[in-house]
Structure formats: C-alpha cells, structure tokens
Amino acid sequence: MRTEGAPGSVPPRVAALVAGAASGLGAASARLLHASGFHVVAVDLDGNGVEELAAGLGKGATAVRADISNGEDVAAAIAAVPSDLPLRAVVVCAGVGHVERIIGREAAHSAAGFRRTIEINLIGSFNLLTQGAMAIGSTSPDRDGERGAIVLTSSVAAFDGQIGQIAYSASKAAVAGMVLPAARDLAASGIRVCAIAPGTFETPLLAGLPQRAREGLAAQVPFPKRLGDPPEFAALVQHVLQNKMLNGEVIRLDGALRMPPS
C-alpha cells in the first residue's frame, strides 16, 4: 500500500510495525518505511539499540523493547501503535542463528538450542503474524478491499540448509511454510502475507566472522559477487507492501546463491 503525502511534508497517516529493528535488515526496513511516510513502531529485544534507531528517525517513530517469543510482549508492542493511525504493515526481521551438529564431540545436538531457535524464529513470527493480523483486520479497507500486508523473514537456509544448521533451517523452513496458508486464511480480511528468504547479507550475524570467512561467503554468490546490503532487503519489503499482486509468496533474495553443504 502507498502512504499519503511526501515524507516530512505531512504527518504520517498509517503505521508499520517492524520487529528486529535495532540493526541489520530490520533497521534498514524501518528507515525506508519511515522515509516513505509510515509512522514506524520499531521493536527489538535490544532496548538501547531500538531507542537509538527511533531517536535517529525522529518524529513518527516509536521504540518498544519486546521479546517476540512472548505473546504479552507482542501485544504490548502492537498496543504502542498510535491509536489514531491504522496499522497497515507488519515486518518481521527479528531472529537468531544457531550452529550445532547433530552429533557433537561430546554430546548430541542440544534440545535447548533447538527449542530457543524455534521459539524466537518461528513462534515469534507466529505471534507477530497472528496478533498483527488482528490489528490490521480491525482497520477499514482501501478501495481494493485491502487492509494491509505482513512480511515475514525466512532464509535460503530453509531450502539449502548447511551442516550444523538443523535448528536454524527448521525454523526458517517453518516460517516459509506458514506463508501460503496464512495468505489464504487472511484473504477474506484483505490482508496479504509474503516472506523474503535472504541469502548472505551484511548483518550483525555475519559481522563477527573473520574477514577471510566473509570474503569466502561473498565469493559463493554467482552475481553480484558480494554480500547483500540491508537496504536491498528493505527495498523488497517496500515493494511487497506496494504491489498488491504479491501474496502467498516466498521470495529468494540471494544473487542466485545455492548454499553448499558447508
């Protein structure tokens, strides 16, 4: 959907909630949507980081510290949307990585590591999808009958999971699996659902890797032969929100990358 008025010329008339907004893909998405005229409710477990982002955006941004795996936290985040603005978009970028082999040196893959990854990446996405849909569904539709859109974040690991990624791949594959049934379920409410499956992007998850490892990851991308830039992810988020024929789709954003086993 498109917002009314040029950025900065008039107050925002619609709102977007972006989870995982303190850094990386979420921060880039929050910045672009704010520049496009949305009031952005920026949500993250990193309270200081999300406060800093909202302060940088200035007027038309609200910061909320929340654990998306906790339904009460998600409800509080949605309640932070200004009451005079309809919620039109929910963008879920929050997530964690986990690397652990099924057979380790001393023990099998930990159930705790698997459970934590599922709770944040999958249950967190589910919480935002369901509660976000309730909030969007309470608004008035536009001329086409649309009320809003929800963009989840999957991963190429959902399809090309590498050694040690069983927890992460399972969580992201499940996110991808929610998209079509959710889109069909919410069609009657005029709410679209898509997911983006990014490849290797310049995010805090990769920032801690040695330079040689980062260069190796970039070399695996057919073209462009580099890591993805978060604003490129944000641009696709914006396009999904604007293009009403995008619905029920998981879109790979990876430069034709197909991940090797390791």
Protein backbone atom coordinates (compact mmCIF):
# COMPACT_ATOMS: atom_id res chain seq x y z
CA MET A 1 0.00 0.00 0.00
CA ARG A 2 1.06 3.58 -0.54
CA THR A 3 1.06 6.26 2.13
CA GLU A 4 -0.41 9.69 1.51
CA GLY A 5 1.82 12.73 1.31
CA ALA A 6 5.55 13.16 0.83
CA PRO A 7 7.89 12.25 3.72
CA GLY A 8 8.20 15.17 6.09
CA SER A 9 5.51 17.26 4.40
CA VAL A 10 2.53 15.95 6.33
CA PRO A 11 2.15 13.77 9.43
CA PRO A 12 2.07 10.01 8.77
CA ARG A 13 -1.42 8.66 8.18
CA VAL A 14 -0.66 4.97 8.54
CA ALA A 15 1.63 2.86 10.72
CA ALA A 16 4.03 -0.02 10.25
CA LEU A 17 5.47 -2.30 12.94
CA VAL A 18 9.00 -3.56 12.30
CA ALA A 19 10.39 -6.28 14.56
CA GLY A 20 14.14 -6.70 14.80
CA ALA A 21 14.54 -3.00 14.07
CA ALA A 22 17.64 -2.31 16.16
CA SER A 23 20.06 -3.48 13.48
CA GLY A 24 20.59 -5.15 10.12
CA LEU A 25 17.63 -5.96 7.90
CA GLY A 26 15.09 -4.62 10.38
CA ALA A 27 16.85 -1.29 10.86
CA ALA A 28 17.12 -0.77 7.10
CA SER A 29 13.42 -1.61 6.69
CA ALA A 30 12.40 0.74 9.49
CA ARG A 31 14.40 3.60 7.99
CA LEU A 32 12.99 3.14 4.48
CA LEU A 33 9.37 2.81 5.64
CA HIS A 34 9.74 5.88 7.83
CA ALA A 35 11.17 7.81 4.86
CA SER A 36 8.20 6.58 2.80
CA GLY A 37 5.73 8.19 5.19
CA PHE A 38 4.89 5.46 7.69
CA HIS A 39 4.83 6.01 11.41
CA VAL A 40 7.20 3.21 12.43
CA VAL A 41 6.84 1.23 15.63
CA ALA A 42 10.37 -0.17 15.97
CA VAL A 43 10.51 -3.35 18.08
CA ASP A 44 13.54 -5.23 19.34
CA LEU A 45 14.83 -7.12 22.36
CA ASP A 46 17.79 -4.71 22.28
CA GLY A 47 16.10 -1.82 24.04
CA ASN A 48 19.02 0.57 23.77
CA GLY A 49 19.51 -0.19 20.09
CA VAL A 50 15.88 0.34 19.18
CA GLU A 51 15.71 3.54 21.22
CA GLU A 52 18.75 4.84 19.34
CA LEU A 53 17.16 3.97 15.99
CA ALA A 54 13.88 5.68 16.86
CA ALA A 55 15.73 8.76 18.11
CA GLY A 56 17.60 8.91 14.82
CA LEU A 57 14.37 8.71 12.85
CA GLY A 58 12.81 11.44 14.95
CA LYS A 59 9.13 12.33 14.73
CA GLY A 60 6.97 9.48 13.52
CA ALA A 61 8.88 6.68 15.26
CA THR A 62 8.15 4.75 18.45
CA ALA A 63 10.58 2.37 20.15
CA VAL A 64 9.41 -0.74 22.01
CA ARG A 65 11.58 -3.32 23.74
CA ALA A 66 9.99 -6.73 23.32
CA ASP A 67 10.75 -10.43 23.23
CA ILE A 68 8.75 -11.59 20.21
CA SER A 69 8.57 -15.15 21.52
CA ASN A 70 6.45 -13.77 24.37
CA GLY A 71 2.85 -13.16 23.35
CA GLU A 72 2.32 -10.50 26.02
CA ASP A 73 5.34 -8.55 24.78
CA VAL A 74 3.99 -8.68 21.24
CA ALA A 75 0.59 -7.46 22.41
CA ALA A 76 2.28 -4.53 24.16
CA ALA A 77 4.23 -3.69 21.01
CA ILE A 78 1.07 -3.63 18.92
CA ALA A 79 -0.64 -1.51 21.57
CA ALA A 80 2.13 1.06 21.05
CA VAL A 81 0.82 1.83 17.55
CA PRO A 82 -0.74 5.33 17.78
CA SER A 83 -4.49 4.95 18.23
CA ASP A 84 -5.24 7.48 15.50
CA LEU A 85 -3.21 5.63 12.85
CA PRO A 86 -4.30 2.39 11.18
CA LEU A 87 -1.70 -0.38 11.26
CA ARG A 88 -1.10 -1.32 7.61
CA ALA A 89 2.14 -3.31 7.73
CA VAL A 90 3.94 -5.76 9.98
CA VAL A 91 7.53 -6.63 9.02
CA VAL A 92 9.24 -9.41 10.96
CA CYS A 93 13.04 -9.36 10.78
CA ALA A 94 13.83 -10.47 14.33
CA GLY A 95 15.60 -13.79 14.63
CA VAL A 96 18.64 -15.69 15.86
CA GLY A 97 21.13 -18.05 14.32
CA HIS A 98 22.30 -21.34 15.79
CA VAL A 99 25.10 -23.63 14.63
CA GLU A 100 25.41 -27.10 16.16
CA ARG A 101 25.99 -30.52 14.65
CA ILE A 102 23.60 -33.37 15.34
CA ILE A 103 26.49 -35.47 16.64
CA GLY A 104 28.88 -33.26 18.56
CA ARG A 105 32.26 -34.05 20.01
CA GLU A 106 30.84 -34.86 23.41
CA ALA A 107 27.05 -34.97 23.05
CA ALA A 108 24.13 -34.90 20.67
CA HIS A 109 22.59 -31.62 19.47
CA SER A 110 21.10 -29.83 22.46
CA ALA A 111 17.33 -29.70 22.75
CA ALA A 112 17.68 -26.30 24.43
CA GLY A 113 19.46 -24.77 21.43
CA PHE A 114 16.89 -26.20 19.03
CA ARG A 115 13.98 -25.04 21.20
CA ARG A 116 15.32 -21.48 21.60
CA THR A 117 15.79 -21.12 17.84
CA ILE A 118 12.25 -22.35 17.17
CA GLU A 119 10.76 -20.13 19.88
CA ILE A 120 12.31 -16.94 18.54
CA ASN A 121 12.35 -17.51 14.78
CA LEU A 122 9.10 -19.45 14.41
CA ILE A 123 6.92 -18.79 17.46
CA GLY A 124 7.97 -15.14 17.38
CA SER A 125 6.94 -14.88 13.72
CA PHE A 126 3.67 -16.63 14.53
CA ASN A 127 2.94 -14.21 17.38
CA LEU A 128 3.51 -11.18 15.17
CA LEU A 129 1.59 -12.72 12.27
CA THR A 130 -1.49 -13.57 14.32
CA GLN A 131 -1.64 -10.54 16.59
CA GLY A 132 -0.60 -8.23 13.77
CA ALA A 133 -3.36 -9.65 11.57
CA MET A 134 -5.91 -8.98 14.29
CA ALA A 135 -4.82 -5.34 14.50
CA ILE A 136 -4.69 -4.84 10.73
CA GLY A 137 -8.02 -6.62 10.33
CA SER A 138 -9.74 -4.11 12.60
CA THR A 139 -8.99 -1.24 10.20
CA SER A 140 -11.07 -0.02 7.27
CA PRO A 141 -10.12 -1.42 3.84
CA ASP A 142 -8.98 0.69 0.91
CA ARG A 143 -10.79 0.87 -2.44
CA ASP A 144 -9.43 -2.55 -3.44
CA GLY A 145 -10.55 -4.14 -0.17
CA GLU A 146 -7.02 -4.35 1.19
CA ARG A 147 -6.31 -3.62 4.83
CA GLY A 148 -2.58 -4.30 4.93
CA ALA A 149 0.28 -6.75 4.49
CA ILE A 150 2.59 -8.85 6.62
CA VAL A 151 6.17 -9.60 5.55
CA LEU A 152 7.99 -12.42 7.32
CA THR A 153 11.68 -13.29 7.02
CA SER A 154 12.64 -16.81 6.04
CA SER A 155 16.12 -17.69 4.71
CA VAL A 156 17.82 -19.58 1.90
CA ALA A 157 18.72 -21.97 4.73
CA ALA A 158 15.07 -23.07 4.60
CA PHE A 159 15.91 -24.73 1.27
CA ASP A 160 19.73 -25.08 1.29
CA GLY A 161 20.46 -25.82 4.92
CA GLN A 162 24.12 -26.38 5.69
CA ILE A 163 25.88 -28.69 8.09
CA GLY A 164 25.18 -27.52 11.63
CA GLN A 165 22.07 -25.57 10.65
CA ILE A 166 19.37 -28.09 11.52
CA ALA A 167 17.73 -25.80 14.12
CA TYR A 168 18.02 -22.63 12.05
CA SER A 169 16.91 -24.33 8.83
CA ALA A 170 13.95 -25.97 10.52
CA SER A 171 12.79 -22.65 11.96
CA LYS A 172 13.10 -20.79 8.66
CA ALA A 173 11.51 -23.60 6.64
CA ALA A 174 8.55 -23.47 9.01
CA VAL A 175 8.27 -19.70 8.51
CA ALA A 176 8.18 -20.30 4.75
CA GLY A 177 5.55 -22.98 5.29
CA MET A 178 3.24 -20.55 7.09
CA VAL A 179 3.05 -18.09 4.21
CA LEU A 180 0.59 -19.70 1.79
CA PRO A 181 -1.92 -20.97 4.38
CA ALA A 182 -1.75 -17.61 6.15
CA ALA A 183 -2.36 -15.75 2.89
CA ARG A 184 -5.35 -17.98 2.12
CA ASP A 185 -6.68 -17.66 5.65
CA LEU A 186 -6.39 -13.86 5.70
CA ALA A 187 -7.63 -13.24 2.17
CA ALA A 188 -11.17 -12.70 3.45
CA SER A 189 -9.83 -9.91 5.68
CA GLY A 190 -7.94 -8.21 2.84
CA ILE A 191 -4.52 -8.95 4.35
CA ARG A 192 -1.63 -10.17 2.22
CA VAL A 193 1.23 -12.33 3.53
CA CYS A 194 4.65 -12.84 1.96
CA ALA A 195 8.11 -13.83 3.15
CA ILE A 196 11.56 -12.86 1.97
CA ALA A 197 14.28 -15.52 2.03
CA PRO A 198 17.58 -13.61 2.06
CA GLY A 199 20.94 -15.13 1.26
CA THR A 200 24.15 -13.89 2.86
CA PHE A 201 23.69 -10.26 3.91
CA GLU A 202 25.82 -7.72 5.76
CA THR A 203 24.20 -8.12 9.17
CA PRO A 204 25.44 -8.32 12.77
CA LEU A 205 25.13 -12.11 12.43
CA LEU A 206 27.99 -12.08 9.92
CA ALA A 207 29.86 -9.08 11.27
CA GLY A 208 31.67 -11.19 13.86
CA LEU A 209 33.18 -13.51 11.26
CA PRO A 210 36.84 -13.10 10.22
CA GLN A 211 37.36 -11.09 7.04
CA ARG A 212 38.56 -14.19 5.21
CA ALA A 213 35.36 -16.04 6.06
CA ARG A 214 33.25 -13.10 4.91
CA GLU A 215 35.14 -12.96 1.63
CA GLY A 216 34.56 -16.68 1.18
CA LEU A 217 30.81 -16.24 1.65
CA ALA A 218 30.75 -13.39 -0.84
CA ALA A 219 32.64 -15.48 -3.40
CA GLN A 220 29.91 -18.13 -3.33
CA VAL A 221 27.31 -15.69 -4.71
CA PRO A 222 27.09 -16.02 -8.53
CA PHE A 223 26.20 -12.35 -9.08
CA PRO A 224 26.62 -9.82 -7.71
CA LYS A 225 29.66 -11.44 -6.13
CA ARG A 226 29.32 -9.80 -2.74
CA LEU A 227 27.26 -9.91 0.42
CA GLY A 228 23.80 -8.38 0.26
CA ASP A 229 23.22 -4.87 1.56
CA PRO A 230 20.37 -4.42 4.10
CA PRO A 231 18.81 -1.52 2.08
CA GLU A 232 18.35 -4.03 -0.77
CA PHE A 233 16.27 -6.18 1.56
CA ALA A 234 14.34 -3.10 2.69
CA ALA A 235 13.62 -2.16 -0.93
CA LEU A 236 11.97 -5.55 -1.46
CA VAL A 237 9.93 -5.11 1.73
CA GLN A 238 8.68 -1.79 0.38
CA HIS A 239 7.85 -3.35 -2.98
CA VAL A 240 5.88 -6.17 -1.36
CA LEU A 241 3.84 -3.60 0.54
CA GLN A 242 3.12 -1.64 -2.64
CA ASN A 243 2.49 -4.49 -5.10
CA LYS A 244 -0.92 -5.94 -4.31
CA MET A 245 -0.44 -8.98 -6.54
CA LEU A 246 2.36 -10.24 -4.32
CA ASN A 247 0.63 -12.61 -1.93
CA GLY A 248 1.33 -16.08 -0.54
CA GLU A 249 4.87 -16.00 -1.93
CA VAL A 250 8.32 -16.72 -0.50
CA ILE A 251 10.82 -14.61 -2.45
CA ARG A 252 14.51 -15.55 -2.52
CA LEU A 253 16.83 -12.55 -2.39
CA ASP A 254 20.23 -14.14 -2.84
CA GLY A 255 22.03 -13.28 -6.10
CA ALA A 256 21.31 -16.83 -7.38
CA LEU A 257 23.13 -18.35 -4.43
CA ARG A 258 22.61 -22.03 -3.66
CA MET A 259 24.33 -22.81 -0.40
CA PRO A 260 26.87 -25.70 -0.41
CA PRO A 261 26.79 -28.30 2.36
CA SER A 262 29.32 -26.35 4.42
